[in-house]
Protein backbone atom coordinates (compact mmCIF):
# COMPACT_ATOMS: atom_id res chain seq x y z
CA MET A 1 0.31 0.27 -0.08
CA ARG A 2 1.60 3.37 -1.25
CA THR A 3 2.11 5.52 1.21
CA ARG A 4 1.52 9.64 1.45
CA PHE A 5 4.19 11.05 -0.45
CA THR A 6 5.83 8.62 -2.44
CA GLY A 7 5.95 7.43 -6.45
CA VAL A 8 6.45 10.04 -8.36
CA GLY A 9 5.44 13.84 -7.32
CA THR A 10 5.53 16.52 -10.01
CA ALA A 11 6.94 19.90 -8.92
CA LEU A 12 4.90 21.75 -11.17
CA VAL A 13 5.42 24.49 -12.69
CA THR A 14 3.96 27.95 -12.32
CA PRO A 15 2.48 28.99 -15.35
CA PHE A 16 2.11 32.77 -15.74
CA LYS A 17 0.09 34.97 -18.29
CA LYS A 18 2.16 37.29 -20.64
CA ASP A 19 1.31 40.19 -18.18
CA GLY A 20 3.28 38.27 -15.70
CA SER A 21 0.25 37.15 -13.55
CA VAL A 22 -0.56 33.85 -12.43
CA ASP A 23 -2.49 31.74 -15.03
CA GLU A 24 -5.01 30.35 -13.14
CA ALA A 25 -7.06 28.51 -15.49
CA ALA A 26 -3.67 26.76 -16.78
CA VAL A 27 -2.96 25.88 -13.10
CA ARG A 28 -5.91 23.98 -12.92
CA ARG A 29 -5.48 22.46 -16.20
CA LEU A 30 -1.87 21.08 -15.17
CA VAL A 31 -3.17 19.35 -12.35
CA LYS A 32 -5.98 18.19 -13.92
CA ARG A 33 -3.58 16.46 -16.43
CA GLN A 34 -0.67 15.24 -13.86
CA ILE A 35 -3.52 13.23 -11.68
CA GLU A 36 -5.16 11.40 -14.89
CA ALA A 37 -2.00 10.65 -16.44
CA GLY A 38 -1.62 8.59 -12.83
CA VAL A 39 1.01 10.42 -10.53
CA HIS A 40 0.67 10.11 -6.97
CA PHE A 41 1.51 13.36 -5.55
CA VAL A 42 1.78 16.86 -6.63
CA SER A 43 4.26 19.67 -5.16
CA PRO A 44 3.42 23.15 -6.27
CA CYS A 45 6.01 26.34 -5.45
CA GLY A 46 9.08 24.97 -5.29
CA THR A 47 12.58 25.09 -7.64
CA THR A 48 10.55 24.48 -10.49
CA GLY A 49 7.47 27.00 -9.77
CA GLU A 50 10.09 29.73 -9.41
CA ALA A 51 8.97 30.29 -5.70
CA PRO A 52 11.81 32.64 -5.48
CA THR A 53 9.75 34.77 -7.22
CA LEU A 54 6.63 34.64 -6.08
CA SER A 55 5.23 36.65 -3.58
CA HIS A 56 3.14 35.00 -0.03
CA ALA A 57 -0.01 36.12 -1.35
CA GLU A 58 0.98 34.41 -5.00
CA LYS A 59 2.44 31.11 -3.06
CA LEU A 60 -1.07 31.04 -1.96
CA GLN A 61 -3.09 31.72 -4.73
CA VAL A 62 -1.13 29.00 -6.67
CA VAL A 63 -1.33 26.14 -3.63
CA GLU A 64 -5.40 27.14 -3.05
CA LEU A 65 -5.84 26.16 -6.72
CA VAL A 66 -3.88 23.10 -6.80
CA VAL A 67 -5.36 21.74 -3.48
CA ASN A 68 -9.00 22.51 -4.74
CA GLU A 69 -8.42 21.10 -8.43
CA ALA A 70 -6.78 17.74 -6.83
CA ALA A 71 -9.96 17.71 -4.58
CA GLY A 72 -8.39 15.01 -2.45
CA ARG A 73 -7.46 13.04 -4.99
CA VAL A 74 -3.65 13.27 -4.84
CA PRO A 75 -1.74 14.33 -1.94
CA VAL A 76 -0.29 17.92 -2.12
CA LEU A 77 2.98 18.53 -0.98
CA ALA A 78 3.62 22.66 -0.90
CA GLY A 79 7.02 24.38 -1.15
CA ALA A 80 7.57 25.97 2.05
CA GLY A 81 11.45 26.55 2.66
CA GLY A 82 13.58 29.94 2.35
CA TYR A 83 16.66 31.58 4.50
CA ASP A 84 14.10 33.28 6.68
CA THR A 85 12.98 31.09 9.64
CA ARG A 86 10.18 33.45 10.64
CA GLU A 87 8.83 33.29 6.77
CA VAL A 88 9.05 30.05 6.51
CA ILE A 89 6.84 29.13 9.31
CA ALA A 90 4.55 32.16 8.53
CA LEU A 91 3.95 30.67 5.28
CA ALA A 92 3.54 26.72 6.54
CA ARG A 93 0.77 28.14 9.20
CA ASP A 94 -0.82 29.68 6.31
CA LEU A 95 -0.76 26.55 3.73
CA GLU A 96 -2.11 24.31 6.67
CA ARG A 97 -5.22 26.89 6.71
CA ILE A 98 -5.72 26.33 2.82
CA GLY A 99 -5.77 22.52 3.30
CA VAL A 100 -2.33 20.99 2.11
CA ASP A 101 -1.14 17.36 3.16
CA GLY A 102 2.42 18.09 3.70
CA LEU A 103 5.61 20.49 3.54
CA LEU A 104 8.38 20.20 1.28
CA SER A 105 10.88 22.72 2.68
CA VAL A 106 14.35 23.54 1.25
CA THR A 107 17.29 24.20 2.86
CA PRO A 108 18.27 28.14 3.72
CA TYR A 109 20.15 29.41 0.85
CA TYR A 110 22.84 32.14 0.78
CA ASN A 111 23.21 32.80 4.38
CA LYS A 112 25.02 28.79 4.47
CA PRO A 113 23.83 27.63 8.28
CA THR A 114 25.71 25.43 10.48
CA PRO A 115 24.46 21.49 10.90
CA GLU A 116 23.59 22.88 14.13
CA GLY A 117 21.68 25.74 12.31
CA LEU A 118 19.85 23.26 10.02
CA TYR A 119 18.66 21.31 12.73
CA GLN A 120 17.39 24.47 14.62
CA HIS A 121 15.51 25.76 11.75
CA TYR A 122 13.57 23.15 10.75
CA LYS A 123 12.95 21.81 14.62
CA ALA A 124 11.22 25.60 14.71
CA ILE A 125 9.21 24.85 11.57
CA SER A 126 8.53 21.29 12.90
CA GLU A 127 6.86 22.36 16.16
CA SER A 128 4.69 25.46 14.13
CA THR A 129 2.88 23.10 12.36
CA ALA A 130 1.11 19.60 12.90
CA LEU A 131 1.78 18.86 9.01
CA PRO A 132 4.30 16.26 7.44
CA ILE A 133 6.97 17.77 6.26
CA MET A 134 9.67 16.94 3.55
CA LEU A 135 13.18 17.87 3.81
CA TYR A 136 14.84 19.15 0.67
CA ASN A 137 18.29 18.80 -0.15
CA VAL A 138 19.71 20.51 -3.12
CA PRO A 139 23.48 21.77 -2.12
CA GLY A 140 23.95 22.68 -5.64
CA ARG A 141 21.46 25.33 -5.63
CA THR A 142 21.38 26.17 -1.55
CA GLY A 143 24.88 26.33 -1.08
CA VAL A 144 24.45 23.89 1.96
CA ASN A 145 24.41 20.29 2.52
CA ILE A 146 22.07 18.44 5.11
CA ASP A 147 24.68 15.78 6.19
CA VAL A 148 23.94 12.42 7.20
CA LYS A 149 24.25 12.85 10.83
CA THR A 150 21.75 15.99 10.49
CA VAL A 151 18.89 13.87 8.70
CA VAL A 152 19.26 11.03 11.20
CA ARG A 153 18.67 13.73 14.09
CA LEU A 154 15.87 15.50 12.41
CA SER A 155 13.88 12.22 11.29
CA GLU A 156 13.76 11.93 15.12
CA LEU A 157 11.13 14.92 15.23
CA ARG A 158 7.68 14.13 15.11
CA ASN A 159 6.62 15.28 11.39
CA ILE A 160 9.78 15.15 9.59
CA VAL A 161 8.99 12.23 7.47
CA ALA A 162 11.01 12.36 4.10
CA ILE A 163 14.10 13.94 2.35
CA LYS A 164 14.02 15.02 -1.16
CA GLU A 165 17.51 14.14 -1.82
CA ALA A 166 19.05 16.43 -4.92
CA SER A 167 22.30 16.08 -4.18
CA GLY A 168 24.09 13.91 -6.45
CA ASN A 169 25.44 11.39 -3.82
CA VAL A 170 24.10 8.33 -4.19
CA VAL A 171 26.78 7.32 -1.37
CA GLN A 172 25.14 9.89 1.23
CA MET A 173 21.69 8.94 -0.15
CA SER A 174 22.58 5.00 0.69
CA GLU A 175 24.22 5.97 4.16
CA ILE A 176 20.37 8.19 4.73
CA ILE A 177 18.42 5.22 4.10
CA ALA A 178 20.82 2.97 6.47
CA SER A 179 20.98 5.40 9.42
CA VAL A 180 17.14 6.77 9.52
CA ARG A 181 14.17 4.84 11.41
CA PRO A 182 12.41 2.11 8.91
CA ASP A 183 9.60 4.66 8.29
CA PHE A 184 11.61 7.63 7.21
CA MET A 185 11.21 7.97 3.65
CA LEU A 186 13.81 9.08 0.88
CA LEU A 187 12.82 10.32 -2.55
CA GLY A 188 15.43 11.47 -5.19
CA GLY A 189 15.22 14.99 -6.72
CA ASP A 190 16.90 14.23 -9.69
CA ASP A 191 15.33 12.69 -12.14
CA PRO A 192 18.55 11.12 -14.57
CA LEU A 193 19.03 8.74 -11.06
CA THR A 194 15.39 7.84 -10.46
CA VAL A 195 16.14 4.24 -10.88
CA ALA A 196 19.53 4.06 -8.78
CA VAL A 197 17.83 5.68 -5.90
CA MET A 198 14.84 3.21 -6.34
CA ALA A 199 17.44 0.25 -6.46
CA ILE A 200 18.67 1.35 -3.00
CA GLY A 201 15.95 1.55 -1.20
CA GLY A 202 14.21 5.10 -2.01
CA ARG A 203 10.69 5.54 -2.58
CA GLY A 204 9.88 7.62 -5.62
CA ILE A 205 10.88 10.82 -6.94
CA VAL A 206 10.24 14.42 -6.99
CA SER A 207 10.24 15.08 -10.56
CA VAL A 208 10.57 17.71 -13.25
CA ALA A 209 10.59 15.79 -16.12
CA SER A 210 6.61 14.68 -15.04
CA ASN A 211 5.82 18.04 -15.58
CA ALA A 212 5.59 17.21 -19.59
CA ALA A 213 5.70 13.12 -18.88
CA PRO A 214 3.60 12.73 -16.13
CA ALA A 215 2.48 9.25 -17.65
CA GLU A 216 5.76 7.77 -18.37
CA MET A 217 7.68 8.50 -14.86
CA ALA A 218 4.56 7.27 -13.03
CA GLN A 219 5.36 4.08 -14.66
CA ILE A 220 9.17 4.13 -14.33
CA VAL A 221 8.94 4.54 -10.32
CA GLU A 222 5.60 1.46 -10.49
CA LEU A 223 8.32 -0.47 -12.31
CA ALA A 224 10.84 -0.52 -9.75
CA GLU A 225 8.25 -0.45 -7.01
CA ARG A 226 7.38 -3.97 -8.65
CA GLY A 227 11.13 -5.15 -8.96
CA ASP A 228 10.93 -4.72 -12.59
CA PHE A 229 14.54 -2.70 -12.97
CA ALA A 230 14.89 -4.50 -16.34
CA GLY A 231 11.39 -2.69 -17.39
CA ALA A 232 12.21 0.75 -15.53
CA ARG A 233 15.76 0.96 -16.99
CA ARG A 234 14.28 0.40 -20.61
CA LEU A 235 11.63 3.39 -20.14
CA HIS A 236 14.40 5.48 -17.90
CA MET A 237 16.67 5.21 -21.32
CA TRP A 238 13.56 5.72 -23.75
CA LEU A 239 12.84 9.10 -21.74
CA LEU A 240 16.37 10.21 -21.14
CA PRO A 241 17.02 12.54 -23.85
CA LEU A 242 13.82 14.89 -22.05
CA ILE A 243 15.35 14.47 -18.58
CA GLN A 244 18.74 15.60 -19.89
CA VAL A 245 17.22 18.08 -21.87
CA ASN A 246 15.20 20.09 -18.98
CA PHE A 247 18.30 20.91 -17.62
CA ILE A 248 20.34 22.45 -20.90
CA GLU A 249 19.77 25.59 -19.30
CA SER A 250 18.54 26.55 -15.84
CA ASN A 251 15.40 24.59 -14.73
CA PRO A 252 12.67 25.53 -15.32
CA ILE A 253 13.61 27.13 -18.28
CA PRO A 254 13.66 24.05 -20.57
CA VAL A 255 10.73 22.30 -19.17
CA LYS A 256 8.04 25.29 -19.39
CA ALA A 257 9.14 25.97 -23.13
CA ALA A 258 8.95 21.96 -23.84
CA MET A 259 5.47 22.35 -22.20
CA ALA A 260 4.53 25.58 -24.20
CA ALA A 261 5.53 23.76 -27.58
CA MET A 262 3.20 20.67 -26.05
CA GLY A 263 0.66 23.72 -25.72
CA LEU A 264 -0.08 23.29 -21.99
CA ILE A 265 1.43 26.44 -20.93
CA GLU A 266 1.77 30.08 -22.16
CA GLU A 267 5.81 30.40 -22.40
CA ALA A 268 6.36 32.88 -19.58
CA TYR A 269 8.64 33.45 -17.30
CA ARG A 270 9.83 35.85 -14.69
CA LEU A 271 12.53 37.68 -14.36
CA PRO A 272 15.83 36.79 -13.34
CA LEU A 273 14.67 33.91 -15.50
CA VAL A 274 14.80 34.32 -19.93
CA PRO A 275 13.61 32.10 -22.21
CA PRO A 276 15.84 29.47 -23.68
CA SER A 277 18.79 30.34 -26.26
CA PRO A 278 17.95 29.56 -30.04
CA ALA A 279 20.32 26.29 -30.28
CA ALA A 280 18.62 25.65 -26.55
CA ARG A 281 15.14 25.93 -27.96
CA ASP A 282 16.09 23.83 -30.78
CA ARG A 283 17.67 21.01 -29.23
CA ILE A 284 13.80 20.89 -26.83
CA LEU A 285 11.85 20.60 -29.44
CA SER A 286 14.06 17.90 -31.66
CA VAL A 287 13.77 15.85 -28.18
CA LEU A 288 10.14 16.27 -28.11
CA GLN A 289 9.75 15.53 -31.74
CA ASP A 290 12.10 12.28 -31.59
CA LEU A 291 10.03 11.29 -28.86
CA LYS A 292 6.64 11.93 -30.69
CA LEU A 293 5.62 14.16 -27.82
CA LEU A 294 4.47 17.29 -29.42
CA GLY A 295 0.52 17.73 -29.60
CA SER A 296 0.84 14.80 -26.70
CA ALA A 297 -1.43 17.04 -24.48
CA ALA A 298 -4.06 16.92 -26.88
CA ARG A 299 -4.38 12.90 -25.76
CA VAL A 300 -5.18 13.57 -22.08
């Protein structure tokens, strides 16, 4: 039986209109498409959702749209992280009132806290909410790594239930899985490592690629969950060009360009993100054509 935040959770993009406002109708369409394609949970307002450019009010706006459209059909794991513990706590409390099922909380970035600072940051958030919390470790973006010892300490707090591990360090992930309590879950945060992470005991992936290819990413994880790693590898290798092209430039630039080409959203970003270069766009379109994903949105 699947637990609450296992399998594929889509790190949802935030669709904008050309005037820069949140495209509410597109948010609802994306959530509907994700659910109908078989993803296991959705995660708005994270890295892929351009969270640093969203105001507090806009984060609540997006998450409320997602919660209402999901309507309990899949859990909603909302982004609530940042470099100011007080602001994260305020956001967490507001998200809890909206009715999210859990929080995905990225490490503080820029101010580079010590391991003790990380522990106290997450402890304060944990004490402020009854919601389950998934830690989010992505040192390539934040400049700070949650080491194994700190993850183990945090896993002992009542409502810190999981970690999204995007360090790329499979040895560190293995050590976490070997050291935490049995019901504490590790999910991958890098699509290229999905099968590898599940092979060492990971419970799924918070995925960028599933924005464009939700059914395919769900199938990869479900095959791995059943122990069919040969089948999971075959589908992973087929989808690998899309997974790789999503990071040809900074995420979420490529995935939003791909989704716009598929007719899912308007292609709109917030500064400091800009549209992909002509060379990157050509590569994105080539991958979509090769995988026959152009026009696939119409089938969902």
